[in-house]
Structures are given as C-alpha cells and as structure tokens.
C-alpha cells in the first residue's frame, strides 16, 4: 500500500517492505541497493522474529506482535539470509547491491 505517484526524486528500487503473512515472508527474496532501510510488518496473529541465519548476522528483532514492525538499514552489499526463530521453516533473503 505505497503511494503510486511517479516523478518524485526517490530512486526506484525493487521494494523495501516485507510482509509477514500466513507464516511466510513476502516477498521471500528482496533486492535492494546499499543504504536502503527494509521494514518487516507482522500481519499474522502469531508472533514472529526477523533473525539472521547463522551467527554474527545483523538482523535480531524481538518477537513481533500483530502489526508490529522491525526495520534495518543495509549498508554493505551482500546476501543476507534470515528466518523466524519461533517458526524456523519461515525463511527469506535480502540481496544488497
């Protein structure tokens, strides 16, 4: 539900919002440019987390209640895999260029 206005000065990117819905991250794979802030929004009744897969990753949200959000600004290029620690079958990636 972003404004559909064109001609602004904001650069066009693949998107910067991830919905958590029906026990899935949507989109599961997101491409952004370095410097982009990505925001996850929990649309489920159950709590979820956004946590880097493996150790040492930058993503560490608290348990997100319904409608809660978590944001992170990606500053370095790379592929960032993440999951919900409560429901580890929920996975996603952010590719930063």
C-alpha atoms as a PDB file:
ATOM      1  CA  UNK A   1       0.000   0.000   0.000  1.00  0.00           C
ATOM      2  CA  UNK A   2       2.540   2.588  -1.047  1.00  0.00           C
ATOM      3  CA  UNK A   3       1.617   5.737  -2.861  1.00  0.00           C
ATOM      4  CA  UNK A   4       1.589   5.211  -6.590  1.00  0.00           C
ATOM      5  CA  UNK A   5       2.940   8.578  -7.566  1.00  0.00           C
ATOM      6  CA  UNK A   6       5.688   8.866 -10.110  1.00  0.00           C
ATOM      7  CA  UNK A   7       8.122  11.591 -10.952  1.00  0.00           C
ATOM      8  CA  UNK A   8       9.457  12.007  -7.404  1.00  0.00           C
ATOM      9  CA  UNK A   9      13.141  12.203  -6.594  1.00  0.00           C
ATOM     10  CA  UNK A  10      13.219   8.854  -4.791  1.00  0.00           C
ATOM     11  CA  UNK A  11      15.184   6.215  -6.713  1.00  0.00           C
ATOM     12  CA  UNK A  12      13.198   3.234  -7.927  1.00  0.00           C
ATOM     13  CA  UNK A  13      14.223   0.039  -6.152  1.00  0.00           C
ATOM     14  CA  UNK A  14      12.755  -3.445  -6.024  1.00  0.00           C
ATOM     15  CA  UNK A  15      10.980  -2.531  -2.800  1.00  0.00           C
ATOM     16  CA  UNK A  16      11.775  -2.128   0.852  1.00  0.00           C
ATOM     17  CA  UNK A  17       8.846  -3.738   2.646  1.00  0.00           C
ATOM     18  CA  UNK A  18       8.370  -7.355   3.685  1.00  0.00           C
ATOM     19  CA  UNK A  19       5.028  -8.593   4.981  1.00  0.00           C
ATOM     20  CA  UNK A  20       4.882 -11.494   7.411  1.00  0.00           C
ATOM     21  CA  UNK A  21       1.658 -13.207   6.438  1.00  0.00           C
ATOM     22  CA  UNK A  22       0.352 -16.785   6.649  1.00  0.00           C
ATOM     23  CA  UNK A  23       3.617 -17.920   8.264  1.00  0.00           C
ATOM     24  CA  UNK A  24       5.744 -16.659   5.364  1.00  0.00           C
ATOM     25  CA  UNK A  25       7.895 -13.662   4.477  1.00  0.00           C
ATOM     26  CA  UNK A  26       6.529 -11.904   1.397  1.00  0.00           C
ATOM     27  CA  UNK A  27       8.486 -11.381  -0.720  1.00  0.00           C
ATOM     28  CA  UNK A  28      10.793 -14.183   0.403  1.00  0.00           C
ATOM     29  CA  UNK A  29      13.634 -12.709  -1.682  1.00  0.00           C
ATOM     30  CA  UNK A  30      14.128  -8.951  -1.823  1.00  0.00           C
ATOM     31  CA  UNK A  31      16.724  -6.951  -3.799  1.00  0.00           C
ATOM     32  CA  UNK A  32      17.713  -3.505  -2.543  1.00  0.00           C
ATOM     33  CA  UNK A  33      20.513  -1.000  -3.002  1.00  0.00           C
ATOM     34  CA  UNK A  34      23.006  -0.349  -0.197  1.00  0.00           C
ATOM     35  CA  UNK A  35      21.645   2.307   2.146  1.00  0.00           C
ATOM     36  CA  UNK A  36      18.061   1.025   1.915  1.00  0.00           C
ATOM     37  CA  UNK A  37      16.021   0.528   5.070  1.00  0.00           C
ATOM     38  CA  UNK A  38      13.857  -2.600   4.893  1.00  0.00           C
ATOM     39  CA  UNK A  39      10.799  -2.841   7.153  1.00  0.00           C
ATOM     40  CA  UNK A  40       9.121  -6.102   8.103  1.00  0.00           C
ATOM     41  CA  UNK A  41       5.478  -5.954   9.284  1.00  0.00           C
ATOM     42  CA  UNK A  42       3.815  -8.868  11.080  1.00  0.00           C
ATOM     43  CA  UNK A  43       0.330  -9.416   9.671  1.00  0.00           C
ATOM     44  CA  UNK A  44      -0.206 -12.749  11.462  1.00  0.00           C
ATOM     45  CA  UNK A  45      -1.948 -13.299  14.799  1.00  0.00           C
ATOM     46  CA  UNK A  46       1.125 -15.245  15.996  1.00  0.00           C
ATOM     47  CA  UNK A  47       4.410 -13.571  16.982  1.00  0.00           C
ATOM     48  CA  UNK A  48       7.396 -13.841  14.623  1.00  0.00           C
ATOM     49  CA  UNK A  49      11.035 -12.732  14.608  1.00  0.00           C
ATOM     50  CA  UNK A  50      13.400 -11.492  11.916  1.00  0.00           C
ATOM     51  CA  UNK A  51      16.752 -13.066  12.778  1.00  0.00           C
ATOM     52  CA  UNK A  52      19.884 -13.555  10.682  1.00  0.00           C
ATOM     53  CA  UNK A  53      20.568 -17.163   9.736  1.00  0.00           C
ATOM     54  CA  UNK A  54      23.892 -18.321  11.134  1.00  0.00           C
ATOM     55  CA  UNK A  55      25.913 -16.425  13.703  1.00  0.00           C
ATOM     56  CA  UNK A  56      27.045 -12.837  13.521  1.00  0.00           C
ATOM     57  CA  UNK A  57      24.364 -11.515  11.184  1.00  0.00           C
ATOM     58  CA  UNK A  58      22.876  -8.062  11.668  1.00  0.00           C
ATOM     59  CA  UNK A  59      19.179  -8.958  11.974  1.00  0.00           C
ATOM     60  CA  UNK A  60      17.897  -9.507  15.519  1.00  0.00           C
ATOM     61  CA  UNK A  61      14.301  -8.456  16.093  1.00  0.00           C
ATOM     62  CA  UNK A  62      12.338  -9.052  19.241  1.00  0.00           C
ATOM     63  CA  UNK A  63       9.208 -11.179  18.886  1.00  0.00           C
ATOM     64  CA  UNK A  64       6.886  -9.066  16.764  1.00  0.00           C
ATOM     65  CA  UNK A  65       3.242  -8.966  17.826  1.00  0.00           C
ATOM     66  CA  UNK A  66       0.479  -8.481  15.259  1.00  0.00           C
ATOM     67  CA  UNK A  67       1.026  -5.246  13.268  1.00  0.00           C
ATOM     68  CA  UNK A  68       4.447  -4.688  14.888  1.00  0.00           C
ATOM     69  CA  UNK A  69       7.338  -3.698  12.628  1.00  0.00           C
ATOM     70  CA  UNK A  70      11.094  -4.172  12.552  1.00  0.00           C
ATOM     71  CA  UNK A  71      13.429  -2.115  10.360  1.00  0.00           C
ATOM     72  CA  UNK A  72      17.072  -2.481   9.408  1.00  0.00           C
ATOM     73  CA  UNK A  73      19.237  -0.342   7.125  1.00  0.00           C
ATOM     74  CA  UNK A  74      21.516  -2.419   4.900  1.00  0.00           C
ATOM     75  CA  UNK A  75      24.782  -0.552   4.308  1.00  0.00           C
ATOM     76  CA  UNK A  76      27.020  -3.264   2.833  1.00  0.00           C
ATOM     77  CA  UNK A  77      26.437  -5.293  -0.347  1.00  0.00           C
ATOM     78  CA  UNK A  78      25.850  -8.999   0.111  1.00  0.00           C
ATOM     79  CA  UNK A  79      23.114 -11.569   0.565  1.00  0.00           C
ATOM     80  CA  UNK A  80      21.520 -11.654   4.000  1.00  0.00           C
ATOM     81  CA  UNK A  81      19.601 -14.828   4.870  1.00  0.00           C
ATOM     82  CA  UNK A  82      17.134 -14.663   7.751  1.00  0.00           C
ATOM     83  CA  UNK A  83      14.461 -16.698   9.490  1.00  0.00           C
ATOM     84  CA  UNK A  84      11.849 -16.621  12.224  1.00  0.00           C
ATOM     85  CA  UNK A  85      13.365 -18.258  15.304  1.00  0.00           C
ATOM     86  CA  UNK A  86       9.882 -19.197  16.560  1.00  0.00           C
ATOM     87  CA  UNK A  87       8.975 -20.856  13.225  1.00  0.00           C
ATOM     88  CA  UNK A  88      12.328 -21.807  11.585  1.00  0.00           C
ATOM     89  CA  UNK A  89      10.627 -23.021   8.409  1.00  0.00           C
ATOM     90  CA  UNK A  90       9.955 -19.319   7.656  1.00  0.00           C
ATOM     91  CA  UNK A  91      12.988 -18.058   5.730  1.00  0.00           C
ATOM     92  CA  UNK A  92      13.900 -15.178   3.481  1.00  0.00           C
ATOM     93  CA  UNK A  93      16.815 -13.310   1.933  1.00  0.00           C
ATOM     94  CA  UNK A  94      17.724  -9.713   1.239  1.00  0.00           C
ATOM     95  CA  UNK A  95      20.234  -9.159  -1.573  1.00  0.00           C
ATOM     96  CA  UNK A  96      22.020  -5.828  -1.275  1.00  0.00           C
ATOM     97  CA  UNK A  97      23.823  -4.355  -4.297  1.00  0.00           C
END
